[in-house]
C-alpha atoms as a PDB file:
ATOM      1  CA  MET A   1      46.689  41.129  59.795  1.00  0.00           C
ATOM      2  CA  SER A   2      44.660  39.625  56.778  1.00  0.00           C
ATOM      3  CA  PRO A   3      42.287  41.983  55.213  1.00  0.00           C
ATOM      4  CA  ARG A   4      39.095  42.688  55.981  1.00  0.00           C
ATOM      5  CA  ARG A   5      36.014  41.016  53.536  1.00  0.00           C
ATOM      6  CA  GLN A   6      33.959  43.261  52.011  1.00  0.00           C
ATOM      7  CA  THR A   7      30.231  42.317  51.243  1.00  0.00           C
ATOM      8  CA  GLY A   8      28.436  43.873  48.432  1.00  0.00           C
ATOM      9  CA  PHE A   9      25.600  42.936  45.745  1.00  0.00           C
ATOM     10  CA  ASP A  10      27.919  39.886  43.945  1.00  0.00           C
ATOM     11  CA  ASP A  11      28.259  38.461  47.633  1.00  0.00           C
ATOM     12  CA  GLU A  12      24.463  38.729  47.717  1.00  0.00           C
ATOM     13  CA  GLU A  13      23.750  37.152  44.620  1.00  0.00           C
ATOM     14  CA  ASN A  14      25.662  34.489  45.677  1.00  0.00           C
ATOM     15  CA  LEU A  15      23.283  33.479  48.227  1.00  0.00           C
ATOM     16  CA  ASP A  16      20.567  33.879  46.114  1.00  0.00           C
ATOM     17  CA  ARG A  17      22.109  31.071  43.932  1.00  0.00           C
ATOM     18  CA  TRP A  18      20.609  28.050  44.998  1.00  0.00           C
ATOM     19  CA  LEU A  19      17.678  28.949  44.620  1.00  0.00           C
ATOM     20  CA  LEU A  20      17.798  28.364  41.103  1.00  0.00           C
ATOM     21  CA  THR A  21      19.214  25.213  41.694  1.00  0.00           C
ATOM     22  CA  TYR A  22      16.212  24.102  43.558  1.00  0.00           C
ATOM     23  CA  ALA A  23      13.942  25.098  41.311  1.00  0.00           C
ATOM     24  CA  ASP A  24      15.095  23.871  38.961  1.00  0.00           C
ATOM     25  CA  LEU A  25      15.255  19.888  40.392  1.00  0.00           C
ATOM     26  CA  ILE A  26      11.206  20.556  41.558  1.00  0.00           C
ATOM     27  CA  THR A  27      10.827  21.215  37.426  1.00  0.00           C
ATOM     28  CA  LEU A  28      12.681  17.705  36.319  1.00  0.00           C
ATOM     29  CA  LEU A  29      10.813  15.934  39.789  1.00  0.00           C
ATOM     30  CA  LEU A  30       7.335  16.911  38.410  1.00  0.00           C
ATOM     31  CA  ALA A  31       8.326  16.334  34.282  1.00  0.00           C
ATOM     32  CA  PHE A  32       9.048  12.919  35.950  1.00  0.00           C
ATOM     33  CA  PHE A  33       6.375  11.823  38.353  1.00  0.00           C
ATOM     34  CA  ILE A  34       4.434  13.774  35.156  1.00  0.00           C
ATOM     35  CA  VAL A  35       5.926  10.751  32.424  1.00  0.00           C
ATOM     36  CA  MET A  36       5.909   8.083  35.183  1.00  0.00           C
ATOM     37  CA  TYR A  37       1.568   8.548  35.481  1.00  0.00           C
ATOM     38  CA  SER A  38       1.568   8.817  31.662  1.00  0.00           C
ATOM     39  CA  ILE A  39       2.646   5.223  30.985  1.00  0.00           C
ATOM     40  CA  SER A  40       0.877   3.969  34.224  1.00  0.00           C
ATOM     41  CA  ARG A  41      -2.474   4.725  32.069  1.00  0.00           C
ATOM     42  CA  ILE A  42      -1.690   2.787  28.822  1.00  0.00           C
ATOM     43  CA  ASP A  43      -4.517   1.215  27.716  1.00  0.00           C
ATOM     44  CA  SER A  44      -3.289  -2.624  28.577  1.00  0.00           C
ATOM     45  CA  GLY A  45      -6.165  -4.075  26.203  1.00  0.00           C
ATOM     46  CA  LYS A  46      -4.782  -2.033  23.315  1.00  0.00           C
ATOM     47  CA  PHE A  47      -0.812  -2.692  24.045  1.00  0.00           C
ATOM     48  CA  SER A  48      -2.643  -6.555  24.000  1.00  0.00           C
ATOM     49  CA  GLU A  49      -3.888  -5.770  20.504  1.00  0.00           C
ATOM     50  CA  VAL A  50      -0.665  -3.832  19.252  1.00  0.00           C
ATOM     51  CA  THR A  51       2.093  -6.670  20.183  1.00  0.00           C
ATOM     52  CA  SER A  52      -0.143  -9.174  19.111  1.00  0.00           C
ATOM     53  CA  ALA A  53      -0.846  -7.781  15.711  1.00  0.00           C
ATOM     54  CA  LEU A  54       2.763  -6.751  14.808  1.00  0.00           C
ATOM     55  CA  THR A  55       3.561  -9.988  16.062  1.00  0.00           C
ATOM     56  CA  SER A  56       1.028 -11.873  13.273  1.00  0.00           C
ATOM     57  CA  VAL A  57       2.949 -10.120  10.762  1.00  0.00           C
ATOM     58  CA  PHE A  58       6.391 -10.793  11.316  1.00  0.00           C
ATOM     59  CA  ALA A  59       5.201 -14.510  11.723  1.00  0.00           C
ATOM     60  CA  GLY A  60       3.896 -14.102   8.360  1.00  0.00           C
ATOM     61  CA  SER A  61       0.137 -15.771   9.773  1.00  0.00           C
ATOM     62  CA  LYS A  62      -1.936 -12.840   8.766  1.00  0.00           C
ATOM     63  CA  LEU A  63      -2.376 -11.248   5.131  1.00  0.00           C
ATOM     64  CA  GLY A  64      -4.445  -8.044   5.765  1.00  0.00           C
ATOM     65  CA  ILE A  65      -7.339  -6.452   7.778  1.00  0.00           C
ATOM     66  CA  GLN A  66     -10.326  -8.288   8.248  1.00  0.00           C
ATOM     67  CA  SER A  67     -13.111  -5.330   7.499  1.00  0.00           C
ATOM     68  CA  PRO A  68     -12.760  -0.915   7.928  1.00  0.00           C
ATOM     69  CA  GLU A  69     -14.318  -1.698  11.423  1.00  0.00           C
ATOM     70  CA  ASP A  70     -10.892  -3.378  12.072  1.00  0.00           C
ATOM     71  CA  LEU A  71      -9.475  -0.909  10.352  1.00  0.00           C
ATOM     72  CA  SER A  72     -10.536   1.600  12.845  1.00  0.00           C
ATOM     73  CA  SER A  73      -9.331  -0.050  16.142  1.00  0.00           C
ATOM     74  CA  GLU A  74      -6.065  -1.011  14.879  1.00  0.00           C
ATOM     75  CA  LEU A  75      -5.620   2.582  13.106  1.00  0.00           C
ATOM     76  CA  ALA A  76      -2.197   3.272  15.330  1.00  0.00           C
ATOM     77  CA  ILE A  77      -0.319   0.706  13.440  1.00  0.00           C
ATOM     78  CA  ASN A  78      -1.792   0.352   9.931  1.00  0.00           C
ATOM     79  CA  LYS A  79       1.208   1.655   8.249  1.00  0.00           C
ATOM     80  CA  LEU A  80       3.555  -0.700   9.946  1.00  0.00           C
ATOM     81  CA  LEU A  81       0.695  -2.911   9.430  1.00  0.00           C
ATOM     82  CA  ASN A  82       1.045  -2.540   5.565  1.00  0.00           C
ATOM     83  CA  LYS A  83       4.524  -2.836   5.050  1.00  0.00           C
ATOM     84  CA  GLY A  84       5.083  -5.766   7.041  1.00  0.00           C
ATOM     85  CA  ASN A  85       2.172  -7.671   5.779  1.00  0.00           C
ATOM     86  CA  LEU A  86       2.698  -6.724   1.901  1.00  0.00           C
ATOM     87  CA  GLY A  87       6.644  -8.036   2.572  1.00  0.00           C
ATOM     88  CA  VAL A  88       5.663 -11.087   3.199  1.00  0.00           C
ATOM     89  CA  LEU A  89       3.326 -11.451   0.240  1.00  0.00           C
ATOM     90  CA  GLU A  90       6.370 -10.013  -2.325  1.00  0.00           C
ATOM     91  CA  THR A  91       9.205 -12.273  -0.145  1.00  0.00           C
ATOM     92  CA  GLN A  92       5.528 -15.197  -1.362  1.00  0.00           C
ATOM     93  CA  ILE A  93       5.041 -14.008  -4.663  1.00  0.00           C
ATOM     94  CA  GLN A  94       8.451 -13.782  -5.559  1.00  0.00           C
ATOM     95  CA  LYS A  95       9.228 -17.687  -4.171  1.00  0.00           C
ATOM     96  CA  ILE A  96       6.105 -18.794  -6.562  1.00  0.00           C
ATOM     97  CA  ALA A  97       8.553 -17.435  -9.414  1.00  0.00           C
ATOM     98  CA  VAL A  98      11.791 -19.171  -9.420  1.00  0.00           C
ATOM     99  CA  GLN A  99       9.217 -22.234  -8.289  1.00  0.00           C
ATOM    100  CA  LEU A 100       7.994 -22.058 -11.898  1.00  0.00           C
ATOM    101  CA  ASP A 101      10.941 -19.768 -13.235  1.00  0.00           C
ATOM    102  CA  VAL A 102       9.486 -16.964 -14.494  1.00  0.00           C
ATOM    103  CA  GLY A 103      11.859 -14.740 -12.750  1.00  0.00           C
ATOM    104  CA  LYS A 104      12.069 -12.707 -16.326  1.00  0.00           C
ATOM    105  CA  GLN A 105       8.767 -12.155 -17.023  1.00  0.00           C
ATOM    106  CA  LEU A 106       8.006 -11.194 -13.605  1.00  0.00           C
ATOM    107  CA  SER A 107       9.051  -9.313 -10.629  1.00  0.00           C
ATOM    108  CA  THR A 108       7.661  -7.265  -7.983  1.00  0.00           C
ATOM    109  CA  ASP A 109       7.892  -3.300  -6.482  1.00  0.00           C
ATOM    110  CA  MET A 110       7.723  -2.312  -3.802  1.00  0.00           C
ATOM    111  CA  GLN A 111       6.663   1.508  -3.751  1.00  0.00           C
ATOM    112  CA  ALA A 112       5.065   3.868  -1.447  1.00  0.00           C
ATOM    113  CA  ARG A 113       0.893   2.715  -3.162  1.00  0.00           C
ATOM    114  CA  GLY A 114       1.692  -0.359  -2.514  1.00  0.00           C
ATOM    115  CA  LEU A 115       3.086  -3.387  -3.971  1.00  0.00           C
ATOM    116  CA  ILE A 116       3.442  -3.983  -7.823  1.00  0.00           C
ATOM    117  CA  ILE A 117       3.098  -7.422 -10.177  1.00  0.00           C
ATOM    118  CA  HIS A 118       5.070  -6.406 -13.399  1.00  0.00           C
ATOM    119  CA  ILE A 119       3.835  -8.933 -15.263  1.00  0.00           C
ATOM    120  CA  SER A 120       5.744  -9.306 -19.393  1.00  0.00           C
ATOM    121  CA  GLU A 121       3.462  -8.890 -22.019  1.00  0.00           C
ATOM    122  CA  SER A 122       5.531 -12.668 -23.059  1.00  0.00           C
ATOM    123  CA  ALA A 123       4.178 -14.387 -20.685  1.00  0.00           C
ATOM    124  CA  PHE A 124       0.522 -12.850 -20.814  1.00  0.00           C
ATOM    125  CA  PHE A 125       0.070 -11.956 -24.744  1.00  0.00           C
ATOM    126  CA  ASP A 126       0.729 -12.965 -28.299  1.00  0.00           C
ATOM    127  CA  PRO A 127       1.862  -9.599 -29.451  1.00  0.00           C
ATOM    128  CA  GLY A 128      -1.206  -7.042 -30.040  1.00  0.00           C
ATOM    129  CA  GLN A 129      -3.607  -9.061 -28.842  1.00  0.00           C
ATOM    130  CA  SER A 130      -5.434  -9.222 -25.552  1.00  0.00           C
ATOM    131  CA  GLU A 131      -6.402 -12.853 -25.048  1.00  0.00           C
ATOM    132  CA  LEU A 132      -4.326 -14.438 -22.497  1.00  0.00           C
ATOM    133  CA  LYS A 133      -2.950 -17.203 -23.090  1.00  0.00           C
ATOM    134  CA  THR A 134      -3.343 -20.263 -20.840  1.00  0.00           C
ATOM    135  CA  GLY A 135      -0.102 -20.277 -18.613  1.00  0.00           C
ATOM    136  CA  ALA A 136      -0.987 -16.360 -18.228  1.00  0.00           C
ATOM    137  CA  LYS A 137      -4.124 -18.261 -16.658  1.00  0.00           C
ATOM    138  CA  MET A 138      -2.139 -20.179 -14.586  1.00  0.00           C
ATOM    139  CA  LEU A 139       0.211 -17.750 -13.047  1.00  0.00           C
ATOM    140  CA  LEU A 140      -3.397 -16.082 -11.975  1.00  0.00           C
ATOM    141  CA  ASP A 141      -4.850 -19.024  -9.760  1.00  0.00           C
ATOM    142  CA  LEU A 142      -1.557 -19.387  -8.102  1.00  0.00           C
ATOM    143  CA  LEU A 143      -1.324 -16.025  -7.450  1.00  0.00           C
ATOM    144  CA  SER A 144      -5.403 -15.827  -6.341  1.00  0.00           C
ATOM    145  CA  VAL A 145      -3.752 -17.988  -3.409  1.00  0.00           C
ATOM    146  CA  GLN A 146      -2.644 -14.732  -1.770  1.00  0.00           C
ATOM    147  CA  LEU A 147      -4.914 -12.163  -3.388  1.00  0.00           C
ATOM    148  CA  LEU A 148      -8.147 -14.202  -2.325  1.00  0.00           C
ATOM    149  CA  LYS A 149      -7.092 -12.730   1.421  1.00  0.00           C
ATOM    150  CA  LEU A 150      -6.809  -9.770   1.241  1.00  0.00           C
ATOM    151  CA  PRO A 151      -9.111  -7.034   1.794  1.00  0.00           C
ATOM    152  CA  ASN A 152      -6.818  -3.953  -0.007  1.00  0.00           C
ATOM    153  CA  HIS A 153      -7.746  -2.617  -2.979  1.00  0.00           C
ATOM    154  CA  LEU A 154      -6.195  -3.880  -6.760  1.00  0.00           C
ATOM    155  CA  ARG A 155      -5.415  -1.807  -9.465  1.00  0.00           C
ATOM    156  CA  VAL A 156      -4.406  -4.115 -12.978  1.00  0.00           C
ATOM    157  CA  GLU A 157      -3.373  -1.463 -15.440  1.00  0.00           C
ATOM    158  CA  GLY A 158      -2.090  -2.553 -18.841  1.00  0.00           C
ATOM    159  CA  HIS A 159       0.936  -0.924 -20.911  1.00  0.00           C
ATOM    160  CA  THR A 160       2.661  -1.116 -24.242  1.00  0.00           C
ATOM    161  CA  ASP A 161       5.774   0.447 -25.566  1.00  0.00           C
ATOM    162  CA  ASN A 162       5.825   3.332 -27.775  1.00  0.00           C
ATOM    163  CA  ILE A 163       5.596   1.211 -31.441  1.00  0.00           C
ATOM    164  CA  PRO A 164       2.077   2.851 -32.914  1.00  0.00           C
ATOM    165  CA  ILE A 165      -0.753   0.012 -32.811  1.00  0.00           C
ATOM    166  CA  ASN A 166      -3.132   1.000 -35.356  1.00  0.00           C
ATOM    167  CA  THR A 167      -5.598  -1.740 -36.820  1.00  0.00           C
ATOM    168  CA  PRO A 168      -9.593  -2.479 -36.025  1.00  0.00           C
ATOM    169  CA  GLU A 169      -9.734  -3.594 -33.068  1.00  0.00           C
ATOM    170  CA  TYR A 170      -6.995  -1.614 -31.479  1.00  0.00           C
ATOM    171  CA  PRO A 171      -7.005   1.874 -32.820  1.00  0.00           C
ATOM    172  CA  SER A 172      -3.640   3.146 -30.821  1.00  0.00           C
ATOM    173  CA  ASN A 173      -1.919   1.724 -27.777  1.00  0.00           C
ATOM    174  CA  TRP A 174      -4.327   2.851 -25.184  1.00  0.00           C
ATOM    175  CA  GLU A 175      -6.844   0.884 -26.936  1.00  0.00           C
ATOM    176  CA  LEU A 176      -4.665  -2.595 -26.252  1.00  0.00           C
ATOM    177  CA  SER A 177      -3.288  -1.515 -22.796  1.00  0.00           C
ATOM    178  CA  THR A 178      -7.010  -1.055 -22.033  1.00  0.00           C
ATOM    179  CA  ALA A 179      -7.898  -3.927 -22.800  1.00  0.00           C
ATOM    180  CA  ARG A 180      -5.443  -6.773 -22.119  1.00  0.00           C
ATOM    181  CA  ALA A 181      -6.212  -5.164 -18.054  1.00  0.00           C
ATOM    182  CA  MET A 182      -9.447  -5.882 -18.539  1.00  0.00           C
ATOM    183  CA  SER A 183      -8.821  -9.404 -20.361  1.00  0.00           C
ATOM    184  CA  CYS A 184      -6.371  -9.684 -16.702  1.00  0.00           C
ATOM    185  CA  LEU A 185      -9.853  -8.257 -14.059  1.00  0.00           C
ATOM    186  CA  ARG A 186     -12.257 -10.176 -16.068  1.00  0.00           C
ATOM    187  CA  TYR A 187     -10.207 -13.037 -14.890  1.00  0.00           C
ATOM    188  CA  LEU A 188      -9.794 -12.654 -11.770  1.00  0.00           C
ATOM    189  CA  VAL A 189     -13.647 -11.505 -10.632  1.00  0.00           C
ATOM    190  CA  ASP A 190     -15.343 -14.549 -13.286  1.00  0.00           C
ATOM    191  CA  LYS A 191     -12.860 -16.529 -12.384  1.00  0.00           C
ATOM    192  CA  ILE A 192     -11.322 -16.260  -9.227  1.00  0.00           C
ATOM    193  CA  GLY A 193     -14.077 -14.676  -6.972  1.00  0.00           C
ATOM    194  CA  ILE A 194     -11.758 -11.217  -6.647  1.00  0.00           C
ATOM    195  CA  SER A 195     -14.745  -8.962  -5.202  1.00  0.00           C
ATOM    196  CA  PRO A 196     -15.631  -6.557  -8.554  1.00  0.00           C
ATOM    197  CA  ARG A 197     -15.716  -3.624  -5.186  1.00  0.00           C
ATOM    198  CA  LYS A 198     -11.902  -4.684  -4.141  1.00  0.00           C
ATOM    199  CA  ILE A 199     -10.695  -4.359  -8.057  1.00  0.00           C
ATOM    200  CA  SER A 200     -10.558  -1.992 -10.984  1.00  0.00           C
ATOM    201  CA  ALA A 201      -8.302  -1.684 -14.567  1.00  0.00           C
ATOM    202  CA  SER A 202      -6.961   1.248 -16.647  1.00  0.00           C
ATOM    203  CA  GLY A 203      -4.614   1.632 -19.211  1.00  0.00           C
ATOM    204  CA  TYR A 204      -1.972   3.671 -19.880  1.00  0.00           C
ATOM    205  CA  GLY A 205      -0.373   2.993 -23.436  1.00  0.00           C
ATOM    206  CA  GLN A 206       3.340   3.868 -23.967  1.00  0.00           C
ATOM    207  CA  TYR A 207       3.262   6.715 -21.400  1.00  0.00           C
ATOM    208  CA  ARG A 208       4.251   5.186 -18.191  1.00  0.00           C
ATOM    209  CA  PRO A 209       7.572   2.799 -19.345  1.00  0.00           C
ATOM    210  CA  LEU A 210       9.798   1.483 -17.250  1.00  0.00           C
ATOM    211  CA  ALA A 211      12.449   1.586 -19.534  1.00  0.00           C
ATOM    212  CA  ALA A 212      13.753   3.570 -22.516  1.00  0.00           C
ATOM    213  CA  ASN A 213      12.220   2.237 -25.897  1.00  0.00           C
ATOM    214  CA  ASP A 214      15.164   3.551 -27.955  1.00  0.00           C
ATOM    215  CA  THR A 215      16.009  -0.926 -26.851  1.00  0.00           C
ATOM    216  CA  PRO A 216      14.471  -4.288 -27.716  1.00  0.00           C
ATOM    217  CA  GLU A 217      15.448  -5.434 -24.096  1.00  0.00           C
ATOM    218  CA  GLY A 218      13.573  -1.857 -23.204  1.00  0.00           C
ATOM    219  CA  ARG A 219      10.325  -2.488 -25.504  1.00  0.00           C
ATOM    220  CA  ALA A 220       9.385  -5.608 -23.915  1.00  0.00           C
ATOM    221  CA  LYS A 221       9.418  -4.719 -20.664  1.00  0.00           C
ATOM    222  CA  ASN A 222       7.547  -1.877 -20.897  1.00  0.00           C
ATOM    223  CA  ARG A 223       5.406  -4.394 -22.138  1.00  0.00           C
ATOM    224  CA  ARG A 224       3.830  -5.887 -19.211  1.00  0.00           C
ATOM    225  CA  VAL A 225       0.854  -5.460 -16.916  1.00  0.00           C
ATOM    226  CA  ASP A 226       0.938  -4.569 -13.577  1.00  0.00           C
ATOM    227  CA  ILE A 227      -0.822  -5.921 -10.733  1.00  0.00           C
ATOM    228  CA  VAL A 228      -1.671  -2.580  -7.960  1.00  0.00           C
ATOM    229  CA  ILE A 229      -2.105  -3.971  -4.755  1.00  0.00           C
ATOM    230  CA  LEU A 230      -2.565  -0.465  -2.573  1.00  0.00           C
ATOM    231  CA  HIS A 231      -2.212   0.179   0.463  1.00  0.00           C
ATOM    232  CA  LEU A 232      -4.910   0.166   3.284  1.00  0.00           C
ATOM    233  CA  ASP A 233      -4.112   3.517   3.828  1.00  0.00           C
ATOM    234  CA  LYS A 234      -4.692   4.150  -0.018  1.00  0.00           C
ATOM    235  CA  SER A 235      -7.666   1.392   0.627  1.00  0.00           C
ATOM    236  CA  TYR A 236      -9.651   2.445   2.171  1.00  0.00           C
ATOM    237  CA  LEU A 237      -9.242   5.904  -0.333  1.00  0.00           C
ATOM    238  CA  GLU A 238     -10.827   4.925  -2.753  1.00  0.00           C
ATOM    239  CA  PRO A 239     -14.932   5.240  -4.091  1.00  0.00           C
ATOM    240  CA  THR A 240     -17.411   3.268  -2.796  1.00  0.00           C
ATOM    241  CA  ASP A 241     -20.368   1.445  -3.565  1.00  0.00           C
ATOM    242  CA  MET A 242     -22.687   4.495  -2.980  1.00  0.00           C
ATOM    243  CA  SER A 243     -26.401   2.111  -4.517  1.00  0.00           C
ATOM    244  CA  ASP A 244     -27.097   1.984  -0.694  1.00  0.00           C
ATOM    245  CA  GLN A 245     -27.138   6.401  -0.195  1.00  0.00           C
ATOM    246  CA  VAL A 246     -28.471   7.215  -3.434  1.00  0.00           C
ATOM    247  CA  VAL A 247     -31.313   8.813  -3.059  1.00  0.00           C
ATOM    248  CA  PRO A 248     -34.738   8.390  -6.040  1.00  0.00           C
ATOM    249  CA  ALA A 249     -34.638  12.236  -7.482  1.00  0.00           C
ATOM    250  CA  ALA A 250     -38.769  13.008  -7.592  1.00  0.00           C
ATOM    251  CA  VAL A 251     -40.800  13.539 -10.440  1.00  0.00           C
ATOM    252  CA  SER A 252     -41.439  16.207 -12.208  1.00  0.00           C
ATOM    253  CA  SER A 253     -44.884  17.920 -13.113  1.00  0.00           C
ATOM    254  CA  THR A 254     -43.596  17.498 -16.559  1.00  0.00           C
ATOM    255  CA  ASP A 255     -43.265  13.315 -15.904  1.00  0.00           C
ATOM    256  CA  GLU A 256     -46.810  12.685 -14.380  1.00  0.00           C
END
């Protein structure tokens, strides 16, 4: 005779487990339909804009966003556009360097703040001077074909090695590096037509070296001018023209 089956708390618990499985299934179905509903609500117009923008970037046909208004509408892909645009530009600049056989005097570097074009002193200036050579002007003319297309802010930075200079015109490397940056800026603005509202200059002396200053080769690498093309998200953080928003100061009674 077979033993009698005993019933109790364990059997009741096993019988109720199907409720847990059913609840899990309902939860998964609910999440699935929420996702499907969200996908169906995507703005097809915005999706087309994003697709078009990305296509133009990777095809190299569009370099930069044209205005601050465009920036707000393209904000979702702004960083990707920056990377794509400046990557295309970097390739074009490298081709220019090869065509002019200035590979040792011009190099590029993509950094978090933007694309940096390193131009050695020997390509632009005589030792201890800040006047642009004729060849430097020709090189800036070629680079400007690409720079003029960009809405990005440009920063021209002068650098020297650590050998002190002390002349009536340049009492230190600070003055020399700043004067060289200003020579490039003035040419880009006055001769090329870069908007003065989107360009600035600074001099760092010997305090931003690319190499050690203990060899002639290292010092030559450090004597340079950098043209920095800021990413757009950095460009729109630059100071803007506030002249239209300046409120005239009130005239005091003593001035009347």
